[in-house]
């Protein structure tokens, strides 16, 4: 069910995105093998095993994940101005 989903993993307090990527394999109950994507160019970087927490947001497509990230950046720059 989670395999193939895109995600953002956020800091529980600040909600800042720490990781972005795609779930390669789900290992119940709360571990995922993920392909991480670079924040610089969006290209695949490394694969890691990560614990899934309630601070993860899942998306059906890469474009949906990118749109949310772009909106997060737009709001953050608006708040700084």
N, C-alpha and C. Protein backbone atom coordinates (compact mmCIF):
# COMPACT_ATOMS: atom_id res chain seq x y z
N UNK A 1 0.81 -1.20 0.00
CA UNK A 1 0.00 0.00 0.00
C UNK A 1 0.86 1.27 0.00
N UNK A 2 1.94 1.29 0.77
CA UNK A 2 2.83 2.46 0.80
C UNK A 2 3.89 2.42 -0.30
N UNK A 3 4.17 1.23 -0.83
CA UNK A 3 5.20 1.12 -1.86
C UNK A 3 4.81 1.97 -3.06
N UNK A 4 5.77 2.75 -3.52
CA UNK A 4 5.54 3.63 -4.66
C UNK A 4 5.05 5.01 -4.29
N UNK A 5 4.67 5.22 -3.05
CA UNK A 5 4.21 6.54 -2.60
C UNK A 5 5.41 7.48 -2.44
N UNK A 6 5.17 8.73 -2.68
CA UNK A 6 6.18 9.77 -2.44
C UNK A 6 5.89 10.36 -1.06
N UNK A 7 6.91 10.95 -0.45
CA UNK A 7 6.72 11.42 0.93
C UNK A 7 7.61 12.60 1.27
N UNK A 8 7.18 13.31 2.30
CA UNK A 8 8.01 14.27 3.03
C UNK A 8 8.03 13.78 4.47
N UNK A 9 9.20 13.73 5.08
CA UNK A 9 9.34 13.44 6.51
C UNK A 9 9.69 14.76 7.17
N UNK A 10 8.88 15.16 8.13
CA UNK A 10 9.02 16.49 8.74
C UNK A 10 9.49 16.41 10.19
N UNK A 11 10.13 17.48 10.63
CA UNK A 11 10.50 17.63 12.03
C UNK A 11 9.21 17.74 12.84
N UNK A 12 9.09 16.98 13.93
CA UNK A 12 7.83 17.00 14.69
C UNK A 12 7.49 18.35 15.32
N UNK A 13 8.47 19.17 15.60
CA UNK A 13 8.19 20.46 16.25
C UNK A 13 8.04 21.60 15.25
N UNK A 14 8.96 21.69 14.30
CA UNK A 14 8.96 22.82 13.38
C UNK A 14 8.21 22.55 12.08
N UNK A 15 7.95 21.28 11.78
CA UNK A 15 7.32 20.83 10.53
C UNK A 15 8.19 21.10 9.31
N UNK A 16 9.46 21.42 9.51
CA UNK A 16 10.41 21.58 8.41
C UNK A 16 10.65 20.21 7.78
N UNK A 17 10.71 20.17 6.46
CA UNK A 17 10.92 18.92 5.75
C UNK A 17 12.39 18.51 5.87
N UNK A 18 12.62 17.30 6.41
CA UNK A 18 13.97 16.77 6.56
C UNK A 18 14.34 15.83 5.43
N UNK A 19 13.39 15.05 4.97
CA UNK A 19 13.63 14.10 3.88
C UNK A 19 12.49 14.19 2.89
N UNK A 20 12.83 13.92 1.62
CA UNK A 20 11.82 13.77 0.58
C UNK A 20 12.24 12.59 -0.28
N UNK A 21 11.25 11.84 -0.73
CA UNK A 21 11.60 10.69 -1.54
C UNK A 21 10.42 9.82 -1.90
N UNK A 22 10.75 8.56 -2.20
CA UNK A 22 9.75 7.58 -2.63
C UNK A 22 9.96 6.29 -1.86
N UNK A 23 8.87 5.68 -1.42
CA UNK A 23 8.94 4.42 -0.69
C UNK A 23 9.22 3.30 -1.70
N UNK A 24 10.33 2.60 -1.50
CA UNK A 24 10.70 1.47 -2.36
C UNK A 24 10.06 0.19 -1.83
N UNK A 25 10.16 -0.01 -0.52
CA UNK A 25 9.59 -1.20 0.11
C UNK A 25 9.12 -0.85 1.51
N UNK A 26 8.00 -1.44 1.90
CA UNK A 26 7.44 -1.24 3.24
C UNK A 26 7.71 -2.49 4.06
N UNK A 27 8.30 -2.31 5.24
CA UNK A 27 8.63 -3.40 6.13
C UNK A 27 7.84 -3.20 7.42
N UNK A 28 6.66 -3.82 7.53
CA UNK A 28 5.80 -3.61 8.70
C UNK A 28 6.53 -3.89 10.00
N UNK A 29 6.21 -3.20 11.08
CA UNK A 29 5.07 -2.30 11.13
C UNK A 29 5.39 -0.84 10.80
N UNK A 30 6.67 -0.40 10.89
CA UNK A 30 6.91 1.04 10.72
C UNK A 30 8.23 1.38 10.04
N UNK A 31 8.77 0.50 9.24
CA UNK A 31 10.04 0.77 8.57
C UNK A 31 9.83 0.77 7.06
N UNK A 32 10.54 1.67 6.39
CA UNK A 32 10.46 1.73 4.94
C UNK A 32 11.86 1.86 4.35
N UNK A 33 12.09 1.13 3.27
CA UNK A 33 13.27 1.36 2.44
C UNK A 33 12.86 2.46 1.48
N UNK A 34 13.58 3.56 1.50
CA UNK A 34 13.20 4.72 0.69
C UNK A 34 14.33 5.15 -0.23
N UNK A 35 13.93 5.70 -1.35
CA UNK A 35 14.86 6.37 -2.25
C UNK A 35 14.72 7.85 -1.95
N UNK A 36 15.77 8.45 -1.43
CA UNK A 36 15.74 9.88 -1.12
C UNK A 36 16.05 10.68 -2.37
N UNK A 37 15.50 11.90 -2.43
CA UNK A 37 15.74 12.82 -3.53
C UNK A 37 16.44 14.06 -3.00
N UNK A 38 17.37 14.57 -3.77
CA UNK A 38 18.13 15.76 -3.42
C UNK A 38 17.22 16.98 -3.38
N UNK A 39 17.46 17.86 -2.41
CA UNK A 39 16.74 19.12 -2.37
C UNK A 39 17.32 20.11 -3.37
N UNK A 40 18.54 19.87 -3.84
CA UNK A 40 19.18 20.79 -4.78
C UNK A 40 18.65 20.63 -6.20
N UNK A 41 18.57 19.38 -6.68
CA UNK A 41 18.15 19.17 -8.06
C UNK A 41 17.02 18.17 -8.23
N UNK A 42 16.53 17.60 -7.13
CA UNK A 42 15.41 16.67 -7.20
C UNK A 42 15.77 15.28 -7.69
N UNK A 43 17.03 15.05 -7.95
CA UNK A 43 17.48 13.76 -8.45
C UNK A 43 17.60 12.75 -7.31
N UNK A 44 17.46 11.45 -7.62
CA UNK A 44 17.66 10.43 -6.59
C UNK A 44 19.06 10.53 -5.99
N UNK A 45 19.15 10.36 -4.68
CA UNK A 45 20.47 10.43 -4.03
C UNK A 45 20.80 9.08 -3.41
N UNK A 46 20.34 8.82 -2.21
CA UNK A 46 20.68 7.56 -1.54
C UNK A 46 19.42 6.81 -1.14
N UNK A 47 19.61 5.54 -0.82
CA UNK A 47 18.53 4.75 -0.26
C UNK A 47 18.83 4.52 1.21
N UNK A 48 17.78 4.59 2.03
CA UNK A 48 17.94 4.40 3.47
C UNK A 48 16.74 3.66 4.04
N UNK A 49 16.97 3.02 5.17
CA UNK A 49 15.87 2.48 5.96
C UNK A 49 15.49 3.55 6.98
N UNK A 50 14.22 3.93 6.99
CA UNK A 50 13.75 4.97 7.91
C UNK A 50 12.51 4.47 8.65
N UNK A 51 12.37 4.92 9.89
CA UNK A 51 11.16 4.64 10.66
C UNK A 51 10.07 5.60 10.23
N UNK A 52 8.94 5.07 9.88
CA UNK A 52 7.79 5.90 9.52
C UNK A 52 7.14 6.40 10.81
N UNK A 53 6.88 7.70 10.85
CA UNK A 53 6.21 8.29 12.01
C UNK A 53 4.95 9.02 11.53
N UNK A 54 4.23 9.55 12.48
CA UNK A 54 3.04 10.32 12.12
C UNK A 54 3.41 11.66 11.49
N UNK A 55 4.69 11.98 11.41
CA UNK A 55 5.15 13.24 10.84
C UNK A 55 5.54 13.10 9.37
N UNK A 56 5.09 12.03 8.76
CA UNK A 56 5.31 11.83 7.33
C UNK A 56 4.03 12.21 6.59
N UNK A 57 4.20 12.86 5.45
CA UNK A 57 3.08 13.16 4.55
C UNK A 57 3.32 12.35 3.27
N UNK A 58 2.29 11.64 2.81
CA UNK A 58 2.42 10.79 1.62
C UNK A 58 1.65 11.39 0.45
N UNK A 59 2.19 11.15 -0.75
CA UNK A 59 1.60 11.68 -1.98
C UNK A 59 1.55 10.58 -3.03
N UNK A 60 0.57 10.70 -3.93
CA UNK A 60 0.42 9.70 -4.99
C UNK A 60 1.39 9.90 -6.14
N UNK A 61 1.92 11.11 -6.29
CA UNK A 61 2.81 11.37 -7.43
C UNK A 61 3.96 12.28 -7.02
N UNK A 62 5.00 12.23 -7.82
CA UNK A 62 6.14 13.12 -7.61
C UNK A 62 5.71 14.57 -7.78
N UNK A 63 4.84 14.84 -8.76
CA UNK A 63 4.40 16.20 -8.99
C UNK A 63 3.64 16.77 -7.80
N UNK A 64 2.80 15.94 -7.19
CA UNK A 64 2.07 16.38 -5.99
C UNK A 64 3.04 16.72 -4.87
N UNK A 65 4.07 15.88 -4.67
CA UNK A 65 5.08 16.15 -3.65
C UNK A 65 5.80 17.46 -3.95
N UNK A 66 6.18 17.68 -5.22
CA UNK A 66 6.88 18.90 -5.60
C UNK A 66 6.01 20.14 -5.41
N UNK A 67 4.73 20.02 -5.72
CA UNK A 67 3.81 21.15 -5.54
C UNK A 67 3.71 21.55 -4.07
N UNK A 68 3.62 20.56 -3.18
CA UNK A 68 3.54 20.85 -1.75
C UNK A 68 4.84 21.50 -1.29
N UNK A 69 5.98 20.99 -1.74
CA UNK A 69 7.27 21.58 -1.37
C UNK A 69 7.36 23.03 -1.86
N UNK A 70 6.95 23.27 -3.09
CA UNK A 70 7.00 24.63 -3.64
C UNK A 70 6.12 25.57 -2.82
N UNK A 71 4.94 25.10 -2.43
CA UNK A 71 4.05 25.92 -1.62
C UNK A 71 4.66 26.19 -0.24
N UNK A 72 5.30 25.17 0.34
CA UNK A 72 5.97 25.33 1.63
C UNK A 72 7.06 26.40 1.53
N UNK A 73 7.83 26.38 0.45
CA UNK A 73 8.89 27.37 0.26
C UNK A 73 8.32 28.76 0.04
N UNK A 74 7.22 28.84 -0.70
CA UNK A 74 6.59 30.14 -0.96
C UNK A 74 6.08 30.75 0.35
N UNK A 75 5.43 29.95 1.17
CA UNK A 75 4.92 30.44 2.46
C UNK A 75 6.07 30.84 3.37
N UNK A 76 7.14 30.04 3.39
CA UNK A 76 8.30 30.36 4.25
C UNK A 76 8.93 31.67 3.82
N UNK A 77 9.08 31.92 2.51
CA UNK A 77 9.70 33.17 2.08
C UNK A 77 8.77 34.34 2.34
N UNK A 78 7.47 34.13 2.28
CA UNK A 78 6.50 35.19 2.58
C UNK A 78 6.60 35.58 4.06
N UNK A 79 6.76 34.62 4.94
CA UNK A 79 6.83 34.88 6.37
C UNK A 79 8.11 35.61 6.73
N UNK A 80 9.19 35.40 5.98
CA UNK A 80 10.47 36.06 6.25
C UNK A 80 10.43 37.51 5.82
N UNK A 81 9.72 37.81 4.73
CA UNK A 81 9.68 39.17 4.17
C UNK A 81 9.08 40.16 5.12
